[in-house]
């Protein structure tokens, strides 16, 4: 009874898979484990991509907000105060 309940639960999880991956118990368990591992891979990749996107957007905003004060001195520049929120966001990441 317990084994049947476990197999039914696994079968419900893999019912949308194609072919024998949704019908035979041995391949069902293998494909369930593979699917759950792939979820973590995709979540980690998505987090990496989003972090890179956030950093590139923040860099673009910072470059737009920098105001040069010296006519020939390129080292003499300051940052607009509105960028302080972005620096706070960087600490969160």
PDB file of N, CA and C in Angstrom:
ATOM      1  N   UNK A   1       0.821  -1.202   0.000  1.00  0.00           N
ATOM      2  CA  UNK A   1       0.000   0.000   0.000  1.00  0.00           C
ATOM      3  C   UNK A   1       0.866   1.268   0.000  1.00  0.00           C
ATOM      4  N   UNK A   2       1.902   1.280   0.816  1.00  0.00           N
ATOM      5  CA  UNK A   2       2.765   2.459   0.903  1.00  0.00           C
ATOM      6  C   UNK A   2       3.561   2.635  -0.384  1.00  0.00           C
ATOM      7  N   UNK A   3       4.073   1.524  -0.923  1.00  0.00           N
ATOM      8  CA  UNK A   3       4.841   1.614  -2.164  1.00  0.00           C
ATOM      9  C   UNK A   3       3.958   2.092  -3.311  1.00  0.00           C
ATOM     10  N   UNK A   4       2.704   1.647  -3.334  1.00  0.00           N
ATOM     11  CA  UNK A   4       1.789   2.079  -4.387  1.00  0.00           C
ATOM     12  C   UNK A   4       1.518   3.582  -4.279  1.00  0.00           C
ATOM     13  N   UNK A   5       1.328   4.070  -3.043  1.00  0.00           N
ATOM     14  CA  UNK A   5       1.106   5.509  -2.858  1.00  0.00           C
ATOM     15  C   UNK A   5       2.322   6.312  -3.325  1.00  0.00           C
ATOM     16  N   UNK A   6       3.521   5.798  -3.010  1.00  0.00           N
ATOM     17  CA  UNK A   6       4.739   6.497  -3.427  1.00  0.00           C
ATOM     18  C   UNK A   6       4.848   6.526  -4.949  1.00  0.00           C
ATOM     19  N   UNK A   7       4.554   5.392  -5.596  1.00  0.00           N
ATOM     20  CA  UNK A   7       4.624   5.344  -7.056  1.00  0.00           C
ATOM     21  C   UNK A   7       3.582   6.242  -7.700  1.00  0.00           C
ATOM     22  N   UNK A   8       2.391   6.301  -7.127  1.00  0.00           N
ATOM     23  CA  UNK A   8       1.342   7.170  -7.674  1.00  0.00           C
ATOM     24  C   UNK A   8       1.771   8.632  -7.558  1.00  0.00           C
ATOM     25  N   UNK A   9       2.383   8.983  -6.416  1.00  0.00           N
ATOM     26  CA  UNK A   9       2.843  10.360  -6.236  1.00  0.00           C
ATOM     27  C   UNK A   9       3.911  10.727  -7.268  1.00  0.00           C
ATOM     28  N   UNK A  10       4.843   9.808  -7.486  1.00  0.00           N
ATOM     29  CA  UNK A  10       5.890  10.053  -8.480  1.00  0.00           C
ATOM     30  C   UNK A  10       5.281  10.122  -9.875  1.00  0.00           C
ATOM     31  N   UNK A  11       4.303   9.253 -10.145  1.00  0.00           N
ATOM     32  CA  UNK A  11       3.655   9.245 -11.459  1.00  0.00           C
ATOM     33  C   UNK A  11       2.914  10.558 -11.711  1.00  0.00           C
ATOM     34  N   UNK A  12       2.276  11.112 -10.688  1.00  0.00           N
ATOM     35  CA  UNK A  12       1.589  12.393 -10.854  1.00  0.00           C
ATOM     36  C   UNK A  12       2.588  13.513 -11.136  1.00  0.00           C
ATOM     37  N   UNK A  13       3.773  13.427 -10.545  1.00  0.00           N
ATOM     38  CA  UNK A  13       4.794  14.445 -10.784  1.00  0.00           C
ATOM     39  C   UNK A  13       5.278  14.409 -12.226  1.00  0.00           C
ATOM     40  N   UNK A  14       5.436  13.199 -12.777  1.00  0.00           N
ATOM     41  CA  UNK A  14       6.005  13.051 -14.114  1.00  0.00           C
ATOM     42  C   UNK A  14       4.953  12.765 -15.173  1.00  0.00           C
ATOM     43  N   UNK A  15       3.698  13.058 -14.898  1.00  0.00           N
ATOM     44  CA  UNK A  15       2.643  12.697 -15.851  1.00  0.00           C
ATOM     45  C   UNK A  15       2.729  13.503 -17.146  1.00  0.00           C
ATOM     46  N   UNK A  16       3.384  14.645 -17.113  1.00  0.00           N
ATOM     47  CA  UNK A  16       3.474  15.460 -18.330  1.00  0.00           C
ATOM     48  C   UNK A  16       4.701  15.117 -19.172  1.00  0.00           C
ATOM     49  N   UNK A  17       5.557  14.222 -18.705  1.00  0.00           N
ATOM     50  CA  UNK A  17       6.737  13.839 -19.471  1.00  0.00           C
ATOM     51  C   UNK A  17       6.332  12.955 -20.642  1.00  0.00           C
ATOM     52  N   UNK A  18       7.175  12.897 -21.662  1.00  0.00           N
ATOM     53  CA  UNK A  18       6.848  12.135 -22.871  1.00  0.00           C
ATOM     54  C   UNK A  18       7.461  10.745 -22.831  1.00  0.00           C
ATOM     55  N   UNK A  19       6.774   9.792 -23.446  1.00  0.00           N
ATOM     56  CA  UNK A  19       7.308   8.447 -23.628  1.00  0.00           C
ATOM     57  C   UNK A  19       7.340   7.638 -22.346  1.00  0.00           C
ATOM     58  N   UNK A  20       8.360   6.775 -22.240  1.00  0.00           N
ATOM     59  CA  UNK A  20       8.459   5.904 -21.072  1.00  0.00           C
ATOM     60  C   UNK A  20       8.865   6.665 -19.824  1.00  0.00           C
ATOM     61  N   UNK A  21       9.257   7.926 -19.970  1.00  0.00           N
ATOM     62  CA  UNK A  21       9.625   8.726 -18.806  1.00  0.00           C
ATOM     63  C   UNK A  21       8.419   9.008 -17.924  1.00  0.00           C
ATOM     64  N   UNK A  22       7.220   8.762 -18.432  1.00  0.00           N
ATOM     65  CA  UNK A  22       6.026   8.974 -17.621  1.00  0.00           C
ATOM     66  C   UNK A  22       5.266   7.686 -17.348  1.00  0.00           C
ATOM     67  N   UNK A  23       5.800   6.533 -17.765  1.00  0.00           N
ATOM     68  CA  UNK A  23       5.028   5.307 -17.576  1.00  0.00           C
ATOM     69  C   UNK A  23       5.749   4.246 -16.751  1.00  0.00           C
ATOM     70  N   UNK A  24       7.049   4.056 -16.933  1.00  0.00           N
ATOM     71  CA  UNK A  24       7.768   3.022 -16.195  1.00  0.00           C
ATOM     72  C   UNK A  24       8.341   3.598 -14.904  1.00  0.00           C
ATOM     73  N   UNK A  25       8.211   2.832 -13.829  1.00  0.00           N
ATOM     74  CA  UNK A  25       8.588   3.337 -12.510  1.00  0.00           C
ATOM     75  C   UNK A  25      10.082   3.648 -12.418  1.00  0.00           C
ATOM     76  N   UNK A  26      10.920   2.814 -13.002  1.00  0.00           N
ATOM     77  CA  UNK A  26      12.363   3.051 -12.923  1.00  0.00           C
ATOM     78  C   UNK A  26      12.773   4.340 -13.598  1.00  0.00           C
ATOM     79  N   UNK A  27      12.282   4.553 -14.812  1.00  0.00           N
ATOM     80  CA  UNK A  27      12.644   5.785 -15.519  1.00  0.00           C
ATOM     81  C   UNK A  27      11.937   6.990 -14.921  1.00  0.00           C
ATOM     82  N   UNK A  28      10.756   6.776 -14.326  1.00  0.00           N
ATOM     83  CA  UNK A  28      10.052   7.890 -13.679  1.00  0.00           C
ATOM     84  C   UNK A  28      10.904   8.450 -12.538  1.00  0.00           C
ATOM     85  N   UNK A  29      11.437   7.570 -11.694  1.00  0.00           N
ATOM     86  CA  UNK A  29      12.230   8.053 -10.560  1.00  0.00           C
ATOM     87  C   UNK A  29      13.505   8.745 -11.026  1.00  0.00           C
ATOM     88  N   UNK A  30      14.141   8.200 -12.065  1.00  0.00           N
ATOM     89  CA  UNK A  30      15.356   8.835 -12.579  1.00  0.00           C
ATOM     90  C   UNK A  30      15.061  10.220 -13.139  1.00  0.00           C
ATOM     91  N   UNK A  31      13.982  10.333 -13.910  1.00  0.00           N
ATOM     92  CA  UNK A  31      13.667  11.615 -14.535  1.00  0.00           C
ATOM     93  C   UNK A  31      13.165  12.627 -13.521  1.00  0.00           C
ATOM     94  N   UNK A  32      12.549  12.162 -12.437  1.00  0.00           N
ATOM     95  CA  UNK A  32      12.133  13.094 -11.389  1.00  0.00           C
ATOM     96  C   UNK A  32      13.361  13.701 -10.716  1.00  0.00           C
ATOM     97  N   UNK A  33      14.345  12.857 -10.390  1.00  0.00           N
ATOM     98  CA  UNK A  33      15.573  13.357  -9.769  1.00  0.00           C
ATOM     99  C   UNK A  33      16.281  14.330 -10.707  1.00  0.00           C
ATOM    100  N   UNK A  34      16.364  13.984 -11.991  1.00  0.00           N
ATOM    101  CA  UNK A  34      17.012  14.852 -12.982  1.00  0.00           C
ATOM    102  C   UNK A  34      16.289  16.192 -13.096  1.00  0.00           C
ATOM    103  N   UNK A  35      14.940  16.151 -13.081  1.00  0.00           N
ATOM    104  CA  UNK A  35      14.167  17.386 -13.200  1.00  0.00           C
ATOM    105  C   UNK A  35      14.376  18.282 -11.991  1.00  0.00           C
ATOM    106  N   UNK A  36      14.410  17.701 -10.800  1.00  0.00           N
ATOM    107  CA  UNK A  36      14.600  18.511  -9.602  1.00  0.00           C
ATOM    108  C   UNK A  36      16.002  19.116  -9.550  1.00  0.00           C
ATOM    109  N   UNK A  37      17.002  18.398 -10.054  1.00  0.00           N
ATOM    110  CA  UNK A  37      18.355  18.950 -10.110  1.00  0.00           C
ATOM    111  C   UNK A  37      18.421  20.082 -11.134  1.00  0.00           C
ATOM    112  N   UNK A  38      17.754  19.899 -12.273  1.00  0.00           N
ATOM    113  CA  UNK A  38      17.776  20.925 -13.317  1.00  0.00           C
ATOM    114  C   UNK A  38      17.112  22.211 -12.855  1.00  0.00           C
ATOM    115  N   UNK A  39      16.112  22.094 -11.983  1.00  0.00           N
ATOM    116  CA  UNK A  39      15.467  23.291 -11.444  1.00  0.00           C
ATOM    117  C   UNK A  39      16.499  24.155 -10.729  1.00  0.00           C
ATOM    118  N   UNK A  40      17.354  23.534  -9.911  1.00  0.00           N
ATOM    119  CA  UNK A  40      18.351  24.310  -9.173  1.00  0.00           C
ATOM    120  C   UNK A  40      19.381  24.921 -10.116  1.00  0.00           C
ATOM    121  N   UNK A  41      19.790  24.176 -11.152  1.00  0.00           N
ATOM    122  CA  UNK A  41      20.724  24.744 -12.120  1.00  0.00           C
ATOM    123  C   UNK A  41      20.136  25.982 -12.777  1.00  0.00           C
ATOM    124  N   UNK A  42      18.873  25.885 -13.199  1.00  0.00           N
ATOM    125  CA  UNK A  42      18.248  27.003 -13.891  1.00  0.00           C
ATOM    126  C   UNK A  42      18.049  28.192 -12.960  1.00  0.00           C
ATOM    127  N   UNK A  43      17.689  27.914 -11.693  1.00  0.00           N
ATOM    128  CA  UNK A  43      17.519  29.018 -10.758  1.00  0.00           C
ATOM    129  C   UNK A  43      18.841  29.735 -10.511  1.00  0.00           C
ATOM    130  N   UNK A  44      19.914  28.975 -10.374  1.00  0.00           N
ATOM    131  CA  UNK A  44      21.223  29.596 -10.156  1.00  0.00           C
ATOM    132  C   UNK A  44      21.662  30.403 -11.372  1.00  0.00           C
ATOM    133  N   UNK A  45      21.435  29.871 -12.578  1.00  0.00           N
ATOM    134  CA  UNK A  45      21.799  30.596 -13.793  1.00  0.00           C
ATOM    135  C   UNK A  45      20.980  31.882 -13.918  1.00  0.00           C
ATOM    136  N   UNK A  46      19.697  31.805 -13.573  1.00  0.00           N
ATOM    137  CA  UNK A  46      18.836  32.983 -13.649  1.00  0.00           C
ATOM    138  C   UNK A  46      19.307  34.053 -12.667  1.00  0.00           C
ATOM    139  N   UNK A  47      19.700  33.645 -11.458  1.00  0.00           N
ATOM    140  CA  UNK A  47      20.206  34.604 -10.482  1.00  0.00           C
ATOM    141  C   UNK A  47      21.493  35.254 -10.969  1.00  0.00           C
ATOM    142  N   UNK A  48      22.390  34.455 -11.575  1.00  0.00           N
ATOM    143  CA  UNK A  48      23.637  35.021 -12.102  1.00  0.00           C
ATOM    144  C   UNK A  48      23.359  36.033 -13.198  1.00  0.00           C
ATOM    145  N   UNK A  49      22.454  35.684 -14.125  1.00  0.00           N
ATOM    146  CA  UNK A  49      22.141  36.593 -15.223  1.00  0.00           C
ATOM    147  C   UNK A  49      21.512  37.880 -14.700  1.00  0.00           C
ATOM    148  N   UNK A  50      20.602  37.758 -13.737  1.00  0.00           N
ATOM    149  CA  UNK A  50      19.941  38.944 -13.204  1.00  0.00           C
ATOM    150  C   UNK A  50      20.928  39.827 -12.453  1.00  0.00           C
ATOM    151  N   UNK A  51      21.861  39.218 -11.720  1.00  0.00           N
ATOM    152  CA  UNK A  51      22.863  39.998 -11.003  1.00  0.00           C
ATOM    153  C   UNK A  51      23.738  40.772 -11.982  1.00  0.00           C
ATOM    154  N   UNK A  52      24.140  40.129 -13.087  1.00  0.00           N
ATOM    155  CA  UNK A  52      24.935  40.827 -14.093  1.00  0.00           C
ATOM    156  C   UNK A  52      24.169  41.961 -14.738  1.00  0.00           C
ATOM    157  N   UNK A  53      22.869  41.746 -14.984  1.00  0.00           N
ATOM    158  CA  UNK A  53      22.037  42.795 -15.563  1.00  0.00           C
ATOM    159  C   UNK A  53      21.921  43.978 -14.614  1.00  0.00           C
ATOM    160  N   UNK A  54      21.716  43.694 -13.319  1.00  0.00           N
ATOM    161  CA  UNK A  54      21.610  44.774 -12.337  1.00  0.00           C
ATOM    162  C   UNK A  54      22.904  45.572 -12.268  1.00  0.00           C
ATOM    163  N   UNK A  55      24.025  44.887 -12.273  1.00  0.00           N
ATOM    164  CA  UNK A  55      25.309  45.583 -12.173  1.00  0.00           C
ATOM    165  C   UNK A  55      25.553  46.443 -13.403  1.00  0.00           C
ATOM    166  N   UNK A  56      25.206  45.943 -14.586  1.00  0.00           N
ATOM    167  CA  UNK A  56      25.417  46.749 -15.791  1.00  0.00           C
ATOM    168  C   UNK A  56      24.489  47.958 -15.812  1.00  0.00           C
ATOM    169  N   UNK A  57      23.254  47.794 -15.333  1.00  0.00           N
ATOM    170  CA  UNK A  57      22.342  48.946 -15.265  1.00  0.00           C
ATOM    171  C   UNK A  57      22.837  49.978 -14.266  1.00  0.00           C
ATOM    172  N   UNK A  58      23.321  49.521 -13.126  1.00  0.00           N
ATOM    173  CA  UNK A  58      23.826  50.447 -12.113  1.00  0.00           C
ATOM    174  C   UNK A  58      25.043  51.196 -12.645  1.00  0.00           C
ATOM    175  N   UNK A  59      25.935  50.500 -13.331  1.00  0.00           N
ATOM    176  CA  UNK A  59      27.104  51.169 -13.905  1.00  0.00           C
ATOM    177  C   UNK A  59      26.698  52.209 -14.934  1.00  0.00           C
ATOM    178  N   UNK A  60      25.671  51.907 -15.734  1.00  0.00           N
ATOM    179  CA  UNK A  60      25.214  52.872 -16.733  1.00  0.00           C
ATOM    180  C   UNK A  60      24.643  54.115 -16.066  1.00  0.00           C
ATOM    181  N   UNK A  61      23.872  53.929 -15.005  1.00  0.00           N
ATOM    182  CA  UNK A  61      23.293  55.084 -14.310  1.00  0.00           C
ATOM    183  C   UNK A  61      24.387  55.913 -13.662  1.00  0.00           C
ATOM    184  N   UNK A  62      25.362  55.258 -13.066  1.00  0.00           N
ATOM    185  CA  UNK A  62      26.450  55.996 -12.418  1.00  0.00           C
ATOM    186  C   UNK A  62      27.243  56.793 -13.448  1.00  0.00           C
ATOM    187  N   UNK A  63      27.514  56.198 -14.603  1.00  0.00           N
ATOM    188  CA  UNK A  63      28.248  56.931 -15.635  1.00  0.00           C
ATOM    189  C   UNK A  63      27.449  58.116 -16.148  1.00  0.00           C
ATOM    190  N   UNK A  64      26.127  57.990 -16.203  1.00  0.00           N
ATOM    191  CA  UNK A  64      25.303  59.118 -16.653  1.00  0.00           C
ATOM    192  C   UNK A  64      25.238  60.219 -15.609  1.00  0.00           C
ATOM    193  N   UNK A  65      25.354  59.882 -14.331  1.00  0.00           N
ATOM    194  CA  UNK A  65      25.183  60.868 -13.270  1.00  0.00           C
ATOM    195  C   UNK A  65      26.480  61.567 -12.880  1.00  0.00           C
ATOM    196  N   UNK A  66      27.617  61.114 -13.375  1.00  0.00           N
ATOM    197  CA  UNK A  66      28.882  61.763 -13.020  1.00  0.00           C
ATOM    198  C   UNK A  66      28.953  63.120 -13.717  1.00  0.00           C
ATOM    199  N   UNK A  67      29.284  64.139 -12.942  1.00  0.00           N
ATOM    200  CA  UNK A  67      29.371  65.504 -13.475  1.00  0.00           C
ATOM    201  C   UNK A  67      30.832  65.941 -13.408  1.00  0.00           C
ATOM    202  N   UNK A  68      31.399  66.305 -14.540  1.00  0.00           N
ATOM    203  CA  UNK A  68      32.779  66.783 -14.575  1.00  0.00           C
ATOM    204  C   UNK A  68      32.802  68.274 -14.278  1.00  0.00           C
ATOM    205  N   UNK A  69      33.676  68.658 -13.347  1.00  0.00           N
ATOM    206  CA  UNK A  69      33.783  70.069 -13.009  1.00  0.00           C
ATOM    207  C   UNK A  69      35.013  70.717 -13.618  1.00  0.00           C
ATOM    208  N   UNK A  70      36.095  69.998 -13.734  1.00  0.00           N
ATOM    209  CA  UNK A  70      37.303  70.594 -14.280  1.00  0.00           C
ATOM    210  C   UNK A  70      37.287  70.583 -15.800  1.00  0.00           C
ATOM    211  N   UNK A  71      37.690  71.689 -16.461  1.00  0.00           N
ATOM    212  CA  UNK A  71      37.677  71.716 -17.915  1.00  0.00           C
ATOM    213  C   UNK A  71      38.726  70.785 -18.527  1.00  0.00           C
ATOM    214  N   UNK A  72      39.902  70.679 -17.911  1.00  0.00           N
ATOM    215  CA  UNK A  72      40.928  69.816 -18.484  1.00  0.00           C
ATOM    216  C   UNK A  72      41.352  68.712 -17.514  1.00  0.00           C
ATOM    217  N   UNK A  73      41.010  68.859 -16.261  1.00  0.00           N
ATOM    218  CA  UNK A  73      41.415  67.888 -15.250  1.00  0.00           C
ATOM    219  C   UNK A  73      40.359  66.782 -15.180  1.00  0.00           C
ATOM    220  N   UNK A  74      40.683  65.614 -15.728  1.00  0.00           N
ATOM    221  CA  UNK A  74      39.692  64.539 -15.780  1.00  0.00           C
ATOM    222  C   UNK A  74      39.522  63.848 -14.428  1.00  0.00           C
ATOM    223  N   UNK A  75      40.470  64.024 -13.490  1.00  0.00           N
ATOM    224  CA  UNK A  75      40.346  63.392 -12.180  1.00  0.00           C
ATOM    225  C   UNK A  75      39.433  64.174 -11.245  1.00  0.00           C
ATOM    226  N   UNK A  76      39.110  65.403 -11.603  1.00  0.00           N
ATOM    227  CA  UNK A  76      38.305  66.251 -10.739  1.00  0.00           C
ATOM    228  C   UNK A  76      36.831  66.094 -11.122  1.00  0.00           C
ATOM    229  N   UNK A  77      36.156  65.141 -10.510  1.00  0.00           N
ATOM    230  CA  UNK A  77      34.729  64.966 -10.775  1.00  0.00           C
ATOM    231  C   UNK A  77      34.029  64.518  -9.499  1.00  0.00           C
ATOM    232  N   UNK A  78      32.749  64.743  -9.447  1.00  0.00           N
ATOM    233  CA  UNK A  78      31.947  64.339  -8.297  1.00  0.00           C
ATOM    234  C   UNK A  78      30.697  63.620  -8.797  1.00  0.00           C
ATOM    235  N   UNK A  79      30.006  62.977  -7.888  1.00  0.00           N
ATOM    236  CA  UNK A  79      28.837  62.182  -8.250  1.00  0.00           C
ATOM    237  C   UNK A  79      27.584  62.883  -7.753  1.00  0.00           C
ATOM    238  N   UNK A  80      26.547  62.840  -8.579  1.00  0.00           N
ATOM    239  CA  UNK A  80      25.263  63.437  -8.245  1.00  0.00           C
ATOM    240  C   UNK A  80      24.707  62.777  -6.978  1.00  0.00           C
ATOM    241  N   UNK A  81      24.098  63.538  -6.059  1.00  0.00           N
ATOM    242  CA  UNK A  81      23.579  62.931  -4.821  1.00  0.00           C
ATOM    243  C   UNK A  81      22.467  61.906  -5.041  1.00  0.00           C
ATOM    244  N   UNK A  82      21.813  61.942  -6.187  1.00  0.00           N
ATOM    245  CA  UNK A  82      20.740  60.968  -6.417  1.00  0.00           C
ATOM    246  C   UNK A  82      21.270  59.560  -6.610  1.00  0.00           C
ATOM    247  N   UNK A  83      22.571  59.427  -6.779  1.00  0.00           N
ATOM    248  CA  UNK A  83      23.159  58.110  -6.983  1.00  0.00           C
ATOM    249  C   UNK A  83      23.348  57.379  -5.657  1.00  0.00           C
ATOM    250  N   UNK A  84      23.165  58.066  -4.537  1.00  0.00           N
ATOM    251  CA  UNK A  84      23.379  57.421  -3.240  1.00  0.00           C
ATOM    252  C   UNK A  84      22.432  56.247  -3.033  1.00  0.00           C
ATOM    253  N   UNK A  85      21.223  56.309  -3.601  1.00  0.00           N
ATOM    254  CA  UNK A  85      20.302  55.174  -3.500  1.00  0.00           C
ATOM    255  C   UNK A  85      20.867  53.959  -4.225  1.00  0.00           C
ATOM    256  N   UNK A  86      21.555  54.188  -5.321  1.00  0.00           N
ATOM    257  CA  UNK A  86      22.129  53.080  -6.080  1.00  0.00           C
ATOM    258  C   UNK A  86      23.257  52.433  -5.288  1.00  0.00           C
ATOM    259  N   UNK A  87      24.063  53.243  -4.584  1.00  0.00           N
ATOM    260  CA  UNK A  87      25.118  52.666  -3.766  1.00  0.00           C
ATOM    261  C   UNK A  87      24.534  51.845  -2.620  1.00  0.00           C
ATOM    262  N   UNK A  88      23.400  52.286  -2.082  1.00  0.00           N
ATOM    263  CA  UNK A  88      22.717  51.494  -1.057  1.00  0.00           C
ATOM    264  C   UNK A  88      22.249  50.169  -1.641  1.00  0.00           C
ATOM    265  N   UNK A  89      21.756  50.195  -2.881  1.00  0.00           N
ATOM    266  CA  UNK A  89      21.308  48.973  -3.546  1.00  0.00           C
ATOM    267  C   UNK A  89      22.476  48.024  -3.790  1.00  0.00           C
ATOM    268  N   UNK A  90      23.661  48.573  -4.066  1.00  0.00           N
ATOM    269  CA  UNK A  90      24.839  47.735  -4.268  1.00  0.00           C
ATOM    270  C   UNK A  90      25.209  46.963  -3.007  1.00  0.00           C
ATOM    271  N   UNK A  91      25.001  47.582  -1.833  1.00  0.00           N
ATOM    272  CA  UNK A  91      25.300  46.890  -0.586  1.00  0.00           C
ATOM    273  C   UNK A  91      24.357  45.713  -0.379  1.00  0.00           C
ATOM    274  N   UNK A  92      23.127  45.827  -0.875  1.00  0.00           N
ATOM    275  CA  UNK A  92      22.152  44.744  -0.729  1.00  0.00           C
ATOM    276  C   UNK A  92      22.564  43.561  -1.583  1.00  0.00           C
ATOM    277  N   UNK A  93      23.040  43.814  -2.804  1.00  0.00           N
ATOM    278  CA  UNK A  93      23.440  42.724  -3.700  1.00  0.00           C
ATOM    279  C   UNK A  93      24.660  42.056  -3.126  1.00  0.00           C
TER     280      UNK A  93
END
